[in-house]
C-alpha atoms as a PDB file:
ATOM      1  CA  MET A   1     162.321 152.243 107.352  1.00  0.00           C
ATOM      2  CA  ASP A   2     160.983 155.517 107.405  1.00  0.00           C
ATOM      3  CA  GLN A   3     156.872 155.430 107.582  1.00  0.00           C
ATOM      4  CA  LYS A   4     156.080 156.140 103.997  1.00  0.00           C
ATOM      5  CA  GLU A   5     158.313 153.269 102.952  1.00  0.00           C
ATOM      6  CA  ILE A   6     156.460 151.025 105.110  1.00  0.00           C
ATOM      7  CA  MET A   7     152.809 152.523 104.006  1.00  0.00           C
ATOM      8  CA  GLU A   8     153.912 151.392 100.774  1.00  0.00           C
ATOM      9  CA  PHE A   9     155.092 148.254 101.453  1.00  0.00           C
ATOM     10  CA  ASN A  10     151.366 147.409 102.946  1.00  0.00           C
ATOM     11  CA  GLN A  11     149.878 149.438  99.406  1.00  0.00           C
ATOM     12  CA  TYR A  12     152.258 147.006  97.394  1.00  0.00           C
ATOM     13  CA  SER A  13     151.241 144.163  99.199  1.00  0.00           C
ATOM     14  CA  ASN A  14     147.453 145.134  99.172  1.00  0.00           C
ATOM     15  CA  GLN A  15     147.361 145.751  95.224  1.00  0.00           C
ATOM     16  CA  LEU A  16     149.005 142.035  95.243  1.00  0.00           C
ATOM     17  CA  ASN A  17     146.124 140.379  97.142  1.00  0.00           C
ATOM     18  CA  MET A  18     143.828 141.803  94.933  1.00  0.00           C
ATOM     19  CA  ILE A  19     145.950 141.054  91.755  1.00  0.00           C
ATOM     20  CA  ASN A  20     145.901 137.919  92.596  1.00  0.00           C
ATOM     21  CA  SER A  21     142.303 136.942  93.498  1.00  0.00           C
ATOM     22  CA  GLN A  22     141.184 138.715  90.393  1.00  0.00           C
ATOM     23  CA  VAL A  23     143.458 136.050  88.388  1.00  0.00           C
ATOM     24  CA  MET A  24     142.022 133.695  90.512  1.00  0.00           C
ATOM     25  CA  ASN A  25     138.332 134.575  89.661  1.00  0.00           C
ATOM     26  CA  ILE A  26     139.201 134.888  85.572  1.00  0.00           C
ATOM     27  CA  LYS A  27     140.726 131.817  85.596  1.00  0.00           C
ATOM     28  CA  GLY A  28     137.177 130.607  87.245  1.00  0.00           C
ATOM     29  CA  MET A  29     135.591 132.383  84.237  1.00  0.00           C
ATOM     30  CA  ILE A  30     137.789 130.676  81.655  1.00  0.00           C
ATOM     31  CA  ASP A  31     137.266 127.521  83.418  1.00  0.00           C
ATOM     32  CA  ARG A  32     133.183 127.823  83.155  1.00  0.00           C
ATOM     33  CA  ILE A  33     133.208 129.100  79.676  1.00  0.00           C
ATOM     34  CA  LYS A  34     135.466 125.738  78.789  1.00  0.00           C
ATOM     35  CA  GLU A  35     132.634 123.735  80.260  1.00  0.00           C
ATOM     36  CA  ASN A  36     129.768 125.961  78.294  1.00  0.00           C
ATOM     37  CA  THR A  37     131.475 125.365  74.904  1.00  0.00           C
ATOM     38  CA  ASP A  38     132.139 121.591  75.983  1.00  0.00           C
ATOM     39  CA  GLU A  39     128.901 121.249  76.545  1.00  0.00           C
ATOM     40  CA  LEU A  40     127.450 123.280  73.338  1.00  0.00           C
ATOM     41  CA  ASN A  41     130.211 121.025  71.465  1.00  0.00           C
ATOM     42  CA  LYS A  42     128.442 117.540  72.995  1.00  0.00           C
ATOM     43  CA  THR A  43     125.086 118.346  71.706  1.00  0.00           C
ATOM     44  CA  LYS A  44     123.423 117.687  68.811  1.00  0.00           C
ATOM     45  CA  GLU A  45     120.850 120.955  68.862  1.00  0.00           C
ATOM     46  CA  THR A  46     121.795 122.949  66.216  1.00  0.00           C
ATOM     47  CA  HIS A  47     120.534 126.031  68.784  1.00  0.00           C
ATOM     48  CA  GLY A  48     120.825 127.052  72.059  1.00  0.00           C
ATOM     49  CA  TYR A  49     120.303 129.948  74.960  1.00  0.00           C
ATOM     50  CA  LYS A  50     121.946 132.780  75.774  1.00  0.00           C
ATOM     51  CA  ASN A  51     121.002 134.594  78.894  1.00  0.00           C
ATOM     52  CA  MET A  52     120.483 138.010  78.283  1.00  0.00           C
ATOM     53  CA  GLY A  53     119.073 139.676  82.071  1.00  0.00           C
ATOM     54  CA  LEU A  54     116.047 138.649  82.543  1.00  0.00           C
ATOM     55  CA  ILE A  55     115.120 136.499  79.263  1.00  0.00           C
ATOM     56  CA  LEU A  56     116.428 133.309  77.784  1.00  0.00           C
ATOM     57  CA  VAL A  57     117.149 134.221  73.621  1.00  0.00           C
ATOM     58  CA  LYS A  58     117.836 131.844  71.073  1.00  0.00           C
ATOM     59  CA  LYS A  59     120.923 131.409  69.251  1.00  0.00           C
ATOM     60  CA  PRO A  60     122.470 129.506  66.816  1.00  0.00           C
ATOM     61  CA  LYS A  61     125.178 126.647  68.534  1.00  0.00           C
ATOM     62  CA  ALA A  62     127.894 128.518  66.455  1.00  0.00           C
ATOM     63  CA  GLU A  63     127.375 131.962  67.387  1.00  0.00           C
ATOM     64  CA  LEU A  64     127.106 131.072  70.857  1.00  0.00           C
ATOM     65  CA  ILE A  65     130.636 128.772  70.904  1.00  0.00           C
ATOM     66  CA  LYS A  66     132.391 132.406  69.257  1.00  0.00           C
ATOM     67  CA  GLU A  67     131.060 134.390  71.671  1.00  0.00           C
ATOM     68  CA  LEU A  68     132.685 131.496  74.420  1.00  0.00           C
ATOM     69  CA  GLU A  69     135.746 131.695  72.800  1.00  0.00           C
ATOM     70  CA  ASP A  70     136.084 135.295  72.130  1.00  0.00           C
ATOM     71  CA  ASN A  71     135.110 136.157  75.762  1.00  0.00           C
ATOM     72  CA  LYS A  72     137.653 133.378  77.089  1.00  0.00           C
ATOM     73  CA  LYS A  73     140.612 134.702  74.849  1.00  0.00           C
ATOM     74  CA  SER A  74     139.944 138.299  76.573  1.00  0.00           C
ATOM     75  CA  LEU A  75     139.795 136.679  79.604  1.00  0.00           C
ATOM     76  CA  GLU A  76     143.018 134.879  78.602  1.00  0.00           C
ATOM     77  CA  LEU A  77     144.072 138.501  77.613  1.00  0.00           C
ATOM     78  CA  ARG A  78     143.203 140.135  80.987  1.00  0.00           C
ATOM     79  CA  ILE A  79     145.305 137.425  83.048  1.00  0.00           C
ATOM     80  CA  LYS A  80     148.169 138.297  81.109  1.00  0.00           C
ATOM     81  CA  THR A  81     148.023 141.939  82.309  1.00  0.00           C
ATOM     82  CA  LEU A  82     147.775 140.997  85.603  1.00  0.00           C
ATOM     83  CA  GLU A  83     150.488 138.379  85.339  1.00  0.00           C
ATOM     84  CA  THR A  84     152.561 141.397  84.487  1.00  0.00           C
ATOM     85  CA  GLN A  85     151.531 143.825  87.026  1.00  0.00           C
ATOM     86  CA  GLU A  86     151.727 140.998  89.590  1.00  0.00           C
ATOM     87  CA  LYS A  87     155.895 140.695  88.468  1.00  0.00           C
ATOM     88  CA  ILE A  88     155.979 144.640  88.706  1.00  0.00           C
ATOM     89  CA  VAL A  89     154.497 144.406  92.198  1.00  0.00           C
ATOM     90  CA  THR A  90     156.683 141.861  93.896  1.00  0.00           C
ATOM     91  CA  ALA A  91     159.585 143.206  92.682  1.00  0.00           C
ATOM     92  CA  LYS A  92     158.897 146.254  94.172  1.00  0.00           C
ATOM     93  CA  ILE A  93     157.847 144.332  97.339  1.00  0.00           C
ATOM     94  CA  LYS A  94     161.155 142.408  97.253  1.00  0.00           C
ATOM     95  CA  GLU A  95     163.361 146.013  96.714  1.00  0.00           C
ATOM     96  CA  LEU A  96     161.631 147.521  99.781  1.00  0.00           C
ATOM     97  CA  LYS A  97     162.236 144.126 101.988  1.00  0.00           C
ATOM     98  CA  ALA A  98     165.972 144.016 100.942  1.00  0.00           C
ATOM     99  CA  LYS A  99     166.008 147.707 101.997  1.00  0.00           C
ATOM    100  CA  PHE A 100     164.105 146.696 104.771  1.00  0.00           C
ATOM    101  CA  ASP A 101     166.323 143.919 105.752  1.00  0.00           C
ATOM    102  CA  ALA A 102     169.565 145.835 104.634  1.00  0.00           C
ATOM    103  CA  GLU A 103     168.361 148.658 107.760  1.00  0.00           C
ATOM    104  CA  GLN A 104     167.961 146.056 110.166  1.00  0.00           C
ATOM    105  CA  ASN A 105     171.390 144.463 109.276  1.00  0.00           C
ATOM    106  CA  ASN A 106     172.868 147.946 110.108  1.00  0.00           C
ATOM    107  CA  SER A 107     171.216 148.824 112.958  1.00  0.00           C
ATOM    108  CA  ALA A 108     172.389 145.120 114.686  1.00  0.00           C
ATOM    109  CA  LYS A 109     176.106 146.286 113.593  1.00  0.00           C
ATOM    110  CA  GLN A 110     175.457 149.608 115.650  1.00  0.00           C
ATOM    111  CA  VAL A 111     174.768 147.955 118.688  1.00  0.00           C
ATOM    112  CA  VAL A 112     177.555 148.104 120.661  1.00  0.00           C
ATOM    113  CA  LYS A 113     178.440 145.066 123.177  1.00  0.00           C
ATOM    114  CA  ALA A 114     178.432 147.427 127.192  1.00  0.00           C
ATOM    115  CA  PRO A 115     181.717 146.103 128.990  1.00  0.00           C
ATOM    116  CA  GLU A 116     181.793 144.008 131.627  1.00  0.00           C
ATOM    117  CA  LYS A 117     181.768 145.455 134.840  1.00  0.00           C
ATOM    118  CA  LYS A 118     185.275 143.255 137.055  1.00  0.00           C
ATOM    119  CA  ASP A 119     183.353 143.145 140.899  1.00  0.00           C
ATOM    120  CA  LYS A 120     185.884 144.707 143.420  1.00  0.00           C
ATOM    121  CA  LYS A 121     186.246 142.969 146.577  1.00  0.00           C
END
């Protein structure tokens, strides 16, 4: 494995870590959306409040739920995209690792045992 392939392997490993981190963050956001939707559905109020920076804006509950559901769908689509990227990157890592392992096996086979010397007495 040459220097270029080692760098490529490291880049793919870093990319895989970033993808996994993004997926975890998005899943956390989806969980919070579910919690907020559940709370809105439980309440008897007809309106709720949406945080808009430094102010809260009063909105109809149905509109807030729709916004949350749309946001959730968008995040779920993003997860699917990241999972596709994860599969591609994982395949590249496996390919490079297999190449590295094959080179290791070839080097081990090429190591020739030195003949044993017999003592002359």
